[in-house]
């Protein structure tokens, strides 16, 4: 079994996934930034072995907006590239059946 490890990284070091199909509006990013200010950064950003974001693009952008110098990340290198892509798609379309991914 793979053990997840949270590592704090600078949000500026993370790279947006060019294959990410979800686009967040400036309003959404500001809303997430306010949520982070209110509740803290509670959900780590998932990244691959090259620091490309698998899930958490909006949280990473909100962190930059808030001027955070480090955010929690989890490297998901135990997933294949195909699994990472499927996870990204599932995250962008939570109502999509996994059979379609």
C-alpha atoms as a PDB file:
ATOM      1  CA  UNK A   1       0.000   0.000   0.000  1.00  0.00           C
ATOM      2  CA  UNK A   2       1.186   3.482  -0.836  1.00  0.00           C
ATOM      3  CA  UNK A   3       1.569   5.941   2.054  1.00  0.00           C
ATOM      4  CA  UNK A   4       0.566   9.516   1.275  1.00  0.00           C
ATOM      5  CA  UNK A   5       2.947  12.190   2.464  1.00  0.00           C
ATOM      6  CA  UNK A   6       2.084  15.868   2.708  1.00  0.00           C
ATOM      7  CA  UNK A   7       4.946  18.155   1.679  1.00  0.00           C
ATOM      8  CA  UNK A   8       4.668  21.937   1.788  1.00  0.00           C
ATOM      9  CA  UNK A   9       5.755  23.644  -1.431  1.00  0.00           C
ATOM     10  CA  UNK A  10       5.703  27.143  -2.836  1.00  0.00           C
ATOM     11  CA  UNK A  11       2.613  27.519  -5.046  1.00  0.00           C
ATOM     12  CA  UNK A  12       4.763  29.327  -7.635  1.00  0.00           C
ATOM     13  CA  UNK A  13       6.796  26.124  -8.073  1.00  0.00           C
ATOM     14  CA  UNK A  14       3.737  24.159  -9.186  1.00  0.00           C
ATOM     15  CA  UNK A  15       2.837  24.019 -12.846  1.00  0.00           C
ATOM     16  CA  UNK A  16      -0.724  24.040 -14.140  1.00  0.00           C
ATOM     17  CA  UNK A  17      -1.622  20.914 -16.071  1.00  0.00           C
ATOM     18  CA  UNK A  18      -2.136  21.889 -19.719  1.00  0.00           C
ATOM     19  CA  UNK A  19      -4.549  18.946 -20.045  1.00  0.00           C
ATOM     20  CA  UNK A  20      -6.798  20.304 -17.281  1.00  0.00           C
ATOM     21  CA  UNK A  21     -10.176  20.890 -18.899  1.00  0.00           C
ATOM     22  CA  UNK A  22     -11.677  22.950 -16.102  1.00  0.00           C
ATOM     23  CA  UNK A  23     -11.323  26.724 -16.237  1.00  0.00           C
ATOM     24  CA  UNK A  24     -11.938  28.716 -13.071  1.00  0.00           C
ATOM     25  CA  UNK A  25     -13.208  32.269 -13.281  1.00  0.00           C
ATOM     26  CA  UNK A  26     -11.560  35.073 -11.352  1.00  0.00           C
ATOM     27  CA  UNK A  27     -14.659  35.153  -9.149  1.00  0.00           C
ATOM     28  CA  UNK A  28     -14.260  31.463  -8.289  1.00  0.00           C
ATOM     29  CA  UNK A  29     -10.578  31.923  -7.455  1.00  0.00           C
ATOM     30  CA  UNK A  30     -11.436  34.885  -5.177  1.00  0.00           C
ATOM     31  CA  UNK A  31     -14.139  32.809  -3.460  1.00  0.00           C
ATOM     32  CA  UNK A  32     -11.682  29.983  -2.809  1.00  0.00           C
ATOM     33  CA  UNK A  33      -9.114  32.531  -1.594  1.00  0.00           C
ATOM     34  CA  UNK A  34     -11.667  33.856   0.927  1.00  0.00           C
ATOM     35  CA  UNK A  35     -12.426  30.299   2.011  1.00  0.00           C
ATOM     36  CA  UNK A  36      -8.726  29.626   2.579  1.00  0.00           C
ATOM     37  CA  UNK A  37      -8.486  32.830   4.623  1.00  0.00           C
ATOM     38  CA  UNK A  38     -11.479  31.793   6.726  1.00  0.00           C
ATOM     39  CA  UNK A  39     -10.855  28.068   7.193  1.00  0.00           C
ATOM     40  CA  UNK A  40      -7.213  27.537   6.263  1.00  0.00           C
ATOM     41  CA  UNK A  41      -5.735  25.433   3.483  1.00  0.00           C
ATOM     42  CA  UNK A  42      -7.420  22.137   4.345  1.00  0.00           C
ATOM     43  CA  UNK A  43      -7.167  20.146   1.101  1.00  0.00           C
ATOM     44  CA  UNK A  44      -3.698  19.464  -0.325  1.00  0.00           C
ATOM     45  CA  UNK A  45      -2.958  19.992  -4.011  1.00  0.00           C
ATOM     46  CA  UNK A  46      -2.175  16.733  -5.815  1.00  0.00           C
ATOM     47  CA  UNK A  47       0.904  16.842  -8.036  1.00  0.00           C
ATOM     48  CA  UNK A  48       2.838  14.455 -10.237  1.00  0.00           C
ATOM     49  CA  UNK A  49       6.563  13.688 -10.136  1.00  0.00           C
ATOM     50  CA  UNK A  50       7.333  16.872 -12.127  1.00  0.00           C
ATOM     51  CA  UNK A  51       5.281  19.215  -9.885  1.00  0.00           C
ATOM     52  CA  UNK A  52       2.453  19.405 -12.429  1.00  0.00           C
ATOM     53  CA  UNK A  53      -0.928  19.790 -10.755  1.00  0.00           C
ATOM     54  CA  UNK A  54      -3.192  16.753 -11.016  1.00  0.00           C
ATOM     55  CA  UNK A  55      -5.955  18.230  -8.845  1.00  0.00           C
ATOM     56  CA  UNK A  56      -6.213  21.571  -7.073  1.00  0.00           C
ATOM     57  CA  UNK A  57      -5.592  24.172  -9.766  1.00  0.00           C
ATOM     58  CA  UNK A  58      -8.036  26.650  -8.224  1.00  0.00           C
ATOM     59  CA  UNK A  59      -6.633  26.171  -4.708  1.00  0.00           C
ATOM     60  CA  UNK A  60      -3.111  26.804  -5.994  1.00  0.00           C
ATOM     61  CA  UNK A  61      -4.219  30.002  -7.775  1.00  0.00           C
ATOM     62  CA  UNK A  62      -6.112  31.141  -4.670  1.00  0.00           C
ATOM     63  CA  UNK A  63      -3.003  30.549  -2.575  1.00  0.00           C
ATOM     64  CA  UNK A  64      -1.019  32.801  -4.902  1.00  0.00           C
ATOM     65  CA  UNK A  65      -3.744  35.437  -4.668  1.00  0.00           C
ATOM     66  CA  UNK A  66      -3.537  35.262  -0.868  1.00  0.00           C
ATOM     67  CA  UNK A  67       0.256  35.567  -0.982  1.00  0.00           C
ATOM     68  CA  UNK A  68       0.842  32.191   0.666  1.00  0.00           C
ATOM     69  CA  UNK A  69       4.466  31.085   0.575  1.00  0.00           C
ATOM     70  CA  UNK A  70       3.777  27.373   1.076  1.00  0.00           C
ATOM     71  CA  UNK A  71       0.833  25.052   0.578  1.00  0.00           C
ATOM     72  CA  UNK A  72       0.277  21.370   1.321  1.00  0.00           C
ATOM     73  CA  UNK A  73       0.838  19.013  -1.589  1.00  0.00           C
ATOM     74  CA  UNK A  74       0.695  15.276  -2.100  1.00  0.00           C
ATOM     75  CA  UNK A  75       2.763  13.672  -4.835  1.00  0.00           C
ATOM     76  CA  UNK A  76       0.710  10.945  -6.553  1.00  0.00           C
ATOM     77  CA  UNK A  77       3.582   9.207  -8.290  1.00  0.00           C
ATOM     78  CA  UNK A  78       2.078   5.833  -7.409  1.00  0.00           C
ATOM     79  CA  UNK A  79      -0.559   6.520 -10.095  1.00  0.00           C
ATOM     80  CA  UNK A  80       0.206   5.938 -13.751  1.00  0.00           C
ATOM     81  CA  UNK A  81      -0.104   8.885 -16.142  1.00  0.00           C
ATOM     82  CA  UNK A  82      -3.374   7.363 -17.391  1.00  0.00           C
ATOM     83  CA  UNK A  83      -4.694   7.123 -13.834  1.00  0.00           C
ATOM     84  CA  UNK A  84      -3.655  10.706 -13.118  1.00  0.00           C
ATOM     85  CA  UNK A  85      -5.482  11.871 -16.254  1.00  0.00           C
ATOM     86  CA  UNK A  86      -8.589   9.867 -15.291  1.00  0.00           C
ATOM     87  CA  UNK A  87      -8.495  11.384 -11.804  1.00  0.00           C
ATOM     88  CA  UNK A  88      -8.192  14.888 -13.263  1.00  0.00           C
ATOM     89  CA  UNK A  89     -11.159  14.276 -15.568  1.00  0.00           C
ATOM     90  CA  UNK A  90     -13.227  12.779 -12.744  1.00  0.00           C
ATOM     91  CA  UNK A  91     -12.457  15.812 -10.587  1.00  0.00           C
ATOM     92  CA  UNK A  92     -13.577  18.181 -13.323  1.00  0.00           C
ATOM     93  CA  UNK A  93     -16.737  16.161 -14.041  1.00  0.00           C
ATOM     94  CA  UNK A  94     -17.817  14.624 -10.750  1.00  0.00           C
ATOM     95  CA  UNK A  95     -21.075  13.366 -12.276  1.00  0.00           C
ATOM     96  CA  UNK A  96     -19.283  11.521 -15.101  1.00  0.00           C
ATOM     97  CA  UNK A  97     -19.423   7.753 -14.699  1.00  0.00           C
ATOM     98  CA  UNK A  98     -15.967   6.242 -14.307  1.00  0.00           C
ATOM     99  CA  UNK A  99     -16.718   3.909 -17.212  1.00  0.00           C
ATOM    100  CA  UNK A 100     -16.556   6.915 -19.545  1.00  0.00           C
ATOM    101  CA  UNK A 101     -13.101   7.897 -18.373  1.00  0.00           C
END
